[in-house]
């Protein structure tokens, strides 16, 4: 800012002594010679445009730095908006700072690395989903899991291919078995074709036929569901506790297949929701559905004493104590 100087002369009368001039500095509201130059972080085209005398990347910043601002970046590193210079590393002093890396990158091994969709991780910030579970990046945030017990009931379970994500069953469910049967407002059985789209009570299960049930029972020891692709052992079904059922199915050797206790959705796929409101199972499986509770391999939670089971008399999914020897078991294998 420009300042003007006013010289004040004072003369002492006594002894006619002449005092030396005094100088008083007065602020007259003038303008500093650098005020028209660009400040750090502002745009420039040459050094003389900047108050700092340093212009790089068309941005002013202190001498010696790589100039940047919110619009001019620094590769995978971000701009320090205090000094308007690029960070030179993401781990100064050995301490890693993910915030020094641009979006989509994280600081690891002292450098900015691209976030991981699926694969090895050691912290959440390594992952695109921001969820690292059991040292693997979950593929989809909000559907991450460390095991089947972490997934909502409508899911098949937790993926086994290191995506740490709850997944739906890979196969198509067969039709419920209700075929063309629907019900009117009084509960009377009617042909679904008599209820048109948009009409009251349209949209019942019978209006959406799926792939029909088709079983290959040419082998005496197992049945192949040609819709889901699963193989099932043939009944009658034995009773036992959950732990024993898991072991017994794992030791099954029929057809040199890898047998196991089925998951919830797999058991539900062989329930036949027959027209007229009844529930059952195809006779090829060799067991009567009446009061039959069948084990699934899935526990109801971490370290749970209960497991999921399917009631083939009602079609319901139930919780049963693992030590209960009343439920039965059937074994499944993927072809």
Protein backbone atom coordinates (compact mmCIF):
# COMPACT_ATOMS: atom_id res chain seq x y z
CA UNK A 1 0.00 0.00 0.00
CA UNK A 2 1.38 3.45 -0.96
CA UNK A 3 2.09 5.76 1.99
CA UNK A 4 2.85 9.54 1.80
CA UNK A 5 5.34 11.22 4.07
CA UNK A 6 4.60 14.60 5.70
CA UNK A 7 7.59 16.51 7.03
CA UNK A 8 6.88 18.55 10.16
CA UNK A 9 9.35 21.25 11.09
CA UNK A 10 9.49 22.45 14.70
CA UNK A 11 11.40 25.55 15.75
CA UNK A 12 12.14 26.36 19.36
CA UNK A 13 11.89 30.07 20.06
CA UNK A 14 13.90 30.04 23.25
CA UNK A 15 17.55 30.19 22.40
CA UNK A 16 16.54 30.11 18.76
CA UNK A 17 17.31 26.44 18.76
CA UNK A 18 16.30 24.74 15.55
CA UNK A 19 15.04 21.20 15.97
CA UNK A 20 15.74 18.57 13.36
CA UNK A 21 12.76 17.65 11.17
CA UNK A 22 10.39 14.94 12.45
CA UNK A 23 8.81 12.52 10.01
CA UNK A 24 5.22 11.30 10.46
CA UNK A 25 3.93 8.36 8.39
CA UNK A 26 0.31 8.79 7.35
CA UNK A 27 -1.78 6.04 5.69
CA UNK A 28 -3.59 7.63 2.79
CA UNK A 29 -5.44 4.54 1.60
CA UNK A 30 -3.14 4.04 -1.34
CA UNK A 31 -2.59 0.66 -3.08
CA UNK A 32 0.38 -1.72 -2.72
CA UNK A 33 2.29 -2.29 -5.91
CA UNK A 34 1.67 -6.13 -5.74
CA UNK A 35 -2.07 -6.00 -5.15
CA UNK A 36 -2.88 -6.52 -8.81
CA UNK A 37 -0.79 -9.69 -8.99
CA UNK A 38 -2.30 -13.15 -8.57
CA UNK A 39 -2.15 -14.79 -5.14
CA UNK A 40 -1.17 -18.41 -4.52
CA UNK A 41 -3.71 -20.77 -6.06
CA UNK A 42 -4.89 -18.25 -8.64
CA UNK A 43 -4.45 -18.56 -12.39
CA UNK A 44 -1.38 -17.21 -14.17
CA UNK A 45 0.35 -17.39 -17.52
CA UNK A 46 3.85 -16.24 -16.54
CA UNK A 47 6.01 -15.67 -13.47
CA UNK A 48 5.36 -11.93 -13.39
CA UNK A 49 1.62 -12.59 -12.96
CA UNK A 50 2.16 -13.95 -9.44
CA UNK A 51 2.86 -12.25 -6.13
CA UNK A 52 5.18 -15.17 -5.39
CA UNK A 53 6.97 -14.79 -8.71
CA UNK A 54 6.36 -18.51 -9.37
CA UNK A 55 3.89 -19.78 -11.99
CA UNK A 56 3.63 -23.46 -12.89
CA UNK A 57 0.76 -25.39 -14.48
CA UNK A 58 -0.88 -21.96 -14.95
CA UNK A 59 -1.21 -21.62 -11.18
CA UNK A 60 0.67 -19.36 -8.75
CA UNK A 61 2.35 -20.93 -5.72
CA UNK A 62 5.45 -20.49 -3.53
CA UNK A 63 8.75 -20.89 -5.38
CA UNK A 64 10.08 -24.42 -5.71
CA UNK A 65 6.75 -26.24 -5.50
CA UNK A 66 4.63 -27.89 -8.19
CA UNK A 67 1.74 -25.45 -8.36
CA UNK A 68 -1.85 -26.72 -8.26
CA UNK A 69 -5.36 -25.82 -7.17
CA UNK A 70 -8.79 -27.48 -7.10
CA UNK A 71 -8.94 -27.52 -10.89
CA UNK A 72 -5.33 -28.43 -11.62
CA UNK A 73 -4.33 -31.80 -10.18
CA UNK A 74 -1.19 -33.67 -9.28
CA UNK A 75 -1.72 -37.09 -10.86
CA UNK A 76 -2.73 -39.64 -8.23
CA UNK A 77 -1.76 -37.26 -5.41
CA UNK A 78 -3.94 -34.35 -4.33
CA UNK A 79 -3.22 -30.66 -4.07
CA UNK A 80 -2.33 -29.15 -0.71
CA UNK A 81 -4.80 -26.26 -0.66
CA UNK A 82 -2.85 -24.49 2.08
CA UNK A 83 0.30 -24.05 0.05
CA UNK A 84 -1.25 -24.77 -3.40
CA UNK A 85 1.54 -27.21 -4.14
CA UNK A 86 1.27 -30.93 -4.88
CA UNK A 87 1.95 -33.43 -2.14
CA UNK A 88 5.10 -35.29 -3.15
CA UNK A 89 4.16 -38.51 -1.32
CA UNK A 90 1.29 -40.00 0.64
CA UNK A 91 3.35 -41.25 3.58
CA UNK A 92 5.49 -38.39 4.89
CA UNK A 93 7.52 -39.49 7.87
CA UNK A 94 6.36 -43.06 7.32
CA UNK A 95 2.72 -42.31 8.26
CA UNK A 96 0.33 -43.18 5.44
CA UNK A 97 -2.41 -40.71 4.47
CA UNK A 98 -5.17 -41.97 2.18
CA UNK A 99 -6.48 -38.41 1.96
CA UNK A 100 -3.30 -37.43 0.09
CA UNK A 101 -4.42 -39.67 -2.80
CA UNK A 102 -7.11 -38.74 -5.30
CA UNK A 103 -10.52 -40.44 -5.18
CA UNK A 104 -10.30 -44.08 -6.24
CA UNK A 105 -6.79 -44.51 -4.81
CA UNK A 106 -5.42 -45.32 -1.37
CA UNK A 107 -2.00 -45.03 0.24
CA UNK A 108 -0.18 -48.32 0.63
CA UNK A 109 3.54 -49.10 0.68
CA UNK A 110 4.19 -45.31 0.61
CA UNK A 111 2.52 -44.82 -2.77
CA UNK A 112 -1.01 -44.22 -4.07
CA UNK A 113 -2.52 -47.45 -5.42
CA UNK A 114 -5.84 -47.89 -7.20
CA UNK A 115 -8.69 -49.12 -4.97
CA UNK A 116 -9.43 -52.84 -5.26
CA UNK A 117 -12.77 -54.27 -6.46
CA UNK A 118 -12.07 -57.80 -5.23
CA UNK A 119 -8.85 -59.20 -3.86
CA UNK A 120 -6.46 -58.96 -0.93
CA UNK A 121 -6.76 -56.02 1.47
CA UNK A 122 -5.70 -55.07 4.96
CA UNK A 123 -8.06 -52.16 5.65
CA UNK A 124 -11.41 -50.84 4.42
CA UNK A 125 -9.90 -47.95 2.49
CA UNK A 126 -8.13 -50.41 0.17
CA UNK A 127 -11.47 -51.41 -1.37
CA UNK A 128 -13.84 -49.79 -3.85
CA UNK A 129 -16.72 -50.82 -1.57
CA UNK A 130 -14.85 -49.50 1.48
CA UNK A 131 -15.37 -52.90 3.14
CA UNK A 132 -12.47 -55.30 3.72
CA UNK A 133 -13.67 -58.58 5.25
CA UNK A 134 -11.42 -61.51 6.15
CA UNK A 135 -8.58 -59.81 4.22
CA UNK A 136 -10.64 -59.68 1.02
CA UNK A 137 -12.44 -56.73 -0.56
CA UNK A 138 -16.20 -57.10 -0.63
CA UNK A 139 -17.51 -56.46 -4.15
CA UNK A 140 -20.74 -54.67 -3.21
CA UNK A 141 -21.04 -52.40 -0.18
CA UNK A 142 -24.06 -53.21 1.95
CA UNK A 143 -24.08 -56.87 0.90
CA UNK A 144 -20.75 -57.85 2.43
CA UNK A 145 -20.24 -60.98 4.47
CA UNK A 146 -17.70 -63.14 6.20
CA UNK A 147 -19.94 -66.21 6.03
CA UNK A 148 -23.42 -67.41 5.07
CA UNK A 149 -24.78 -66.36 8.48
CA UNK A 150 -24.12 -62.69 7.64
CA UNK A 151 -26.51 -62.67 4.67
CA UNK A 152 -30.25 -61.89 4.68
CA UNK A 153 -32.53 -64.90 4.38
CA UNK A 154 -33.45 -64.23 0.76
CA UNK A 155 -29.83 -64.79 -0.32
CA UNK A 156 -28.12 -68.06 -1.13
CA UNK A 157 -25.29 -67.15 1.21
CA UNK A 158 -21.81 -65.68 1.12
CA UNK A 159 -19.84 -66.12 -2.09
CA UNK A 160 -17.00 -68.61 -2.14
CA UNK A 161 -14.87 -66.80 -4.75
CA UNK A 162 -13.30 -64.18 -2.45
CA UNK A 163 -15.78 -61.43 -3.35
CA UNK A 164 -17.10 -61.53 0.24
CA UNK A 165 -20.56 -60.68 -1.10
CA UNK A 166 -24.02 -62.11 -0.39
CA UNK A 167 -25.23 -63.79 -3.56
CA UNK A 168 -28.46 -65.20 -4.91
CA UNK A 169 -28.76 -68.79 -6.03
CA UNK A 170 -27.21 -69.35 -9.46
CA UNK A 171 -30.01 -71.63 -10.62
CA UNK A 172 -33.63 -71.06 -11.56
CA UNK A 173 -36.29 -72.21 -9.13
CA UNK A 174 -38.90 -74.53 -10.57
CA UNK A 175 -42.51 -73.46 -10.62
CA UNK A 176 -44.41 -73.79 -7.35
CA UNK A 177 -46.74 -76.41 -8.84
CA UNK A 178 -49.91 -74.33 -8.69
CA UNK A 179 -50.06 -74.28 -12.50
CA UNK A 180 -53.16 -72.40 -13.72
CA UNK A 181 -54.99 -72.36 -10.40
CA UNK A 182 -56.00 -69.08 -8.72
CA UNK A 183 -58.49 -68.03 -6.08
CA UNK A 184 -61.27 -65.43 -6.10
CA UNK A 185 -62.35 -63.09 -3.29
CA UNK A 186 -64.28 -65.87 -1.55
CA UNK A 187 -61.34 -68.29 -1.67
CA UNK A 188 -62.91 -70.39 -4.40
CA UNK A 189 -60.50 -72.13 -6.80
CA UNK A 190 -60.77 -70.62 -10.30
CA UNK A 191 -58.84 -70.78 -13.55
CA UNK A 192 -56.23 -68.00 -13.62
CA UNK A 193 -57.22 -67.08 -17.18
CA UNK A 194 -60.58 -65.81 -15.85
CA UNK A 195 -58.81 -62.97 -13.99
CA UNK A 196 -57.49 -60.41 -16.47
CA UNK A 197 -54.45 -58.13 -15.96
CA UNK A 198 -55.49 -55.07 -13.98
CA UNK A 199 -58.48 -56.82 -12.46
CA UNK A 200 -58.86 -57.43 -8.76
CA UNK A 201 -56.88 -60.48 -7.58
CA UNK A 202 -54.71 -60.50 -10.68
CA UNK A 203 -51.04 -61.28 -10.03
CA UNK A 204 -51.38 -64.53 -8.10
CA UNK A 205 -48.71 -67.20 -8.32
CA UNK A 206 -50.66 -69.02 -11.01
CA UNK A 207 -50.36 -65.99 -13.31
CA UNK A 208 -46.58 -66.42 -13.43
CA UNK A 209 -45.74 -69.94 -14.55
CA UNK A 210 -42.09 -70.89 -14.23
CA UNK A 211 -40.05 -73.85 -15.44
CA UNK A 212 -41.92 -77.03 -14.60
CA UNK A 213 -40.55 -79.73 -12.34
CA UNK A 214 -38.49 -82.34 -14.13
CA UNK A 215 -36.61 -85.09 -12.31
CA UNK A 216 -34.34 -87.83 -13.62
CA UNK A 217 -34.68 -90.87 -11.35
CA UNK A 218 -32.90 -93.34 -13.63
CA UNK A 219 -30.25 -93.90 -10.91
CA UNK A 220 -31.34 -95.86 -7.86
CA UNK A 221 -29.12 -93.94 -5.41
CA UNK A 222 -29.80 -90.34 -6.41
CA UNK A 223 -32.21 -88.08 -8.29
CA UNK A 224 -31.22 -85.27 -10.65
CA UNK A 225 -33.35 -82.11 -10.68
CA UNK A 226 -33.08 -81.08 -14.32
CA UNK A 227 -34.25 -77.53 -13.55
CA UNK A 228 -31.77 -76.65 -10.79
CA UNK A 229 -29.05 -79.09 -11.80
CA UNK A 230 -28.78 -80.50 -8.28
CA UNK A 231 -28.54 -84.18 -7.38
CA UNK A 232 -30.36 -85.54 -4.32
CA UNK A 233 -30.02 -88.77 -2.37
CA UNK A 234 -33.12 -90.99 -2.30
CA UNK A 235 -35.26 -91.47 0.86
CA UNK A 236 -36.64 -92.65 3.17
CA UNK A 237 -34.92 -90.02 5.27
CA UNK A 238 -33.06 -90.88 8.46
CA UNK A 239 -33.36 -88.88 11.67
CA UNK A 240 -30.34 -87.42 13.45
CA UNK A 241 -28.89 -84.32 15.05
CA UNK A 242 -27.49 -81.52 12.88
CA UNK A 243 -23.81 -82.24 13.57
CA UNK A 244 -24.14 -85.90 12.60
CA UNK A 245 -26.14 -85.00 9.49
CA UNK A 246 -23.35 -82.70 8.30
CA UNK A 247 -20.78 -85.47 8.76
CA UNK A 248 -22.89 -88.21 7.18
CA UNK A 249 -23.63 -86.20 4.03
CA UNK A 250 -19.95 -85.28 3.74
CA UNK A 251 -19.09 -88.98 3.75
CA UNK A 252 -21.64 -89.94 1.08
CA UNK A 253 -19.90 -91.43 -2.01
CA UNK A 254 -22.74 -92.23 -4.43
CA UNK A 255 -21.82 -91.54 -8.04
CA UNK A 256 -18.40 -90.18 -7.00
CA UNK A 257 -20.12 -86.83 -6.38
CA UNK A 258 -19.25 -84.32 -3.66
CA UNK A 259 -22.20 -84.57 -1.31
CA UNK A 260 -23.19 -82.20 1.49
CA UNK A 261 -26.12 -81.07 3.57
CA UNK A 262 -28.23 -78.66 1.44
CA UNK A 263 -28.64 -74.93 1.90
CA UNK A 264 -32.00 -73.37 2.78
CA UNK A 265 -32.93 -72.27 -0.71
CA UNK A 266 -31.93 -75.66 -2.15
CA UNK A 267 -34.33 -77.46 0.18
CA UNK A 268 -37.08 -74.98 -0.65
CA UNK A 269 -36.58 -75.69 -4.35
CA UNK A 270 -37.96 -79.24 -3.95
CA UNK A 271 -41.01 -78.20 -1.93
CA UNK A 272 -44.08 -78.66 -4.15
CA UNK A 273 -46.68 -75.99 -3.38
CA UNK A 274 -49.55 -77.86 -4.96
CA UNK A 275 -52.74 -76.23 -6.19
CA UNK A 276 -55.51 -76.20 -3.62
CA UNK A 277 -53.20 -74.90 -0.90
CA UNK A 278 -51.44 -78.17 -0.06
CA UNK A 279 -47.68 -78.64 0.25
CA UNK A 280 -45.61 -81.67 -0.54
CA UNK A 281 -42.66 -83.18 -2.35
CA UNK A 282 -42.47 -85.30 -5.50
CA UNK A 283 -42.76 -89.01 -4.81
CA UNK A 284 -39.43 -89.68 -6.57
CA UNK A 285 -37.65 -88.44 -3.44
CA UNK A 286 -38.94 -91.43 -1.52
CA UNK A 287 -40.30 -89.77 1.60
CA UNK A 288 -43.68 -88.59 2.81
CA UNK A 289 -43.89 -84.86 3.54
CA UNK A 290 -46.17 -85.31 6.55
CA UNK A 291 -44.56 -83.76 9.67
CA UNK A 292 -41.10 -84.04 8.13
CA UNK A 293 -38.59 -81.39 9.24
CA UNK A 294 -35.36 -81.54 7.17
CA UNK A 295 -32.01 -80.01 8.11
CA UNK A 296 -30.19 -77.37 6.06
CA UNK A 297 -26.44 -76.83 6.48
CA UNK A 298 -26.89 -73.20 7.57
CA UNK A 299 -26.74 -72.04 11.17
CA UNK A 300 -29.08 -69.25 12.24
CA UNK A 301 -26.15 -67.01 13.25
CA UNK A 302 -22.54 -66.93 14.43
CA UNK A 303 -21.82 -69.73 16.91
CA UNK A 304 -25.54 -70.49 16.98
CA UNK A 305 -26.97 -73.58 18.65
CA UNK A 306 -29.75 -73.56 16.04
CA UNK A 307 -29.85 -74.32 12.32
CA UNK A 308 -32.37 -73.69 9.57
CA UNK A 309 -34.68 -76.51 8.57
CA UNK A 310 -37.60 -76.85 6.15
CA UNK A 311 -40.96 -78.21 7.24
CA UNK A 312 -42.17 -80.25 4.26
CA UNK A 313 -45.64 -80.45 5.78
CA UNK A 314 -46.19 -76.68 5.61
CA UNK A 315 -43.40 -75.39 3.36
CA UNK A 316 -42.13 -73.15 6.17
CA UNK A 317 -38.53 -72.32 7.00
CA UNK A 318 -37.94 -73.13 10.68
CA UNK A 319 -35.24 -72.81 13.34
CA UNK A 320 -34.35 -76.02 15.15
CA UNK A 321 -31.91 -76.85 17.95
CA UNK A 322 -28.88 -78.64 16.48
CA UNK A 323 -28.97 -81.25 19.23
CA UNK A 324 -32.55 -82.22 18.30
CA UNK A 325 -32.49 -85.70 16.75
CA UNK A 326 -36.07 -85.44 15.48
CA UNK A 327 -35.38 -83.69 12.11
CA UNK A 328 -34.31 -85.75 9.12
CA UNK A 329 -31.63 -85.14 6.50
CA UNK A 330 -31.24 -85.49 2.75
CA UNK A 331 -27.94 -84.91 0.92
CA UNK A 332 -27.29 -82.79 -2.16
CA UNK A 333 -24.53 -82.50 -4.75
CA UNK A 334 -23.86 -80.15 -7.65
CA UNK A 335 -23.54 -81.91 -11.01
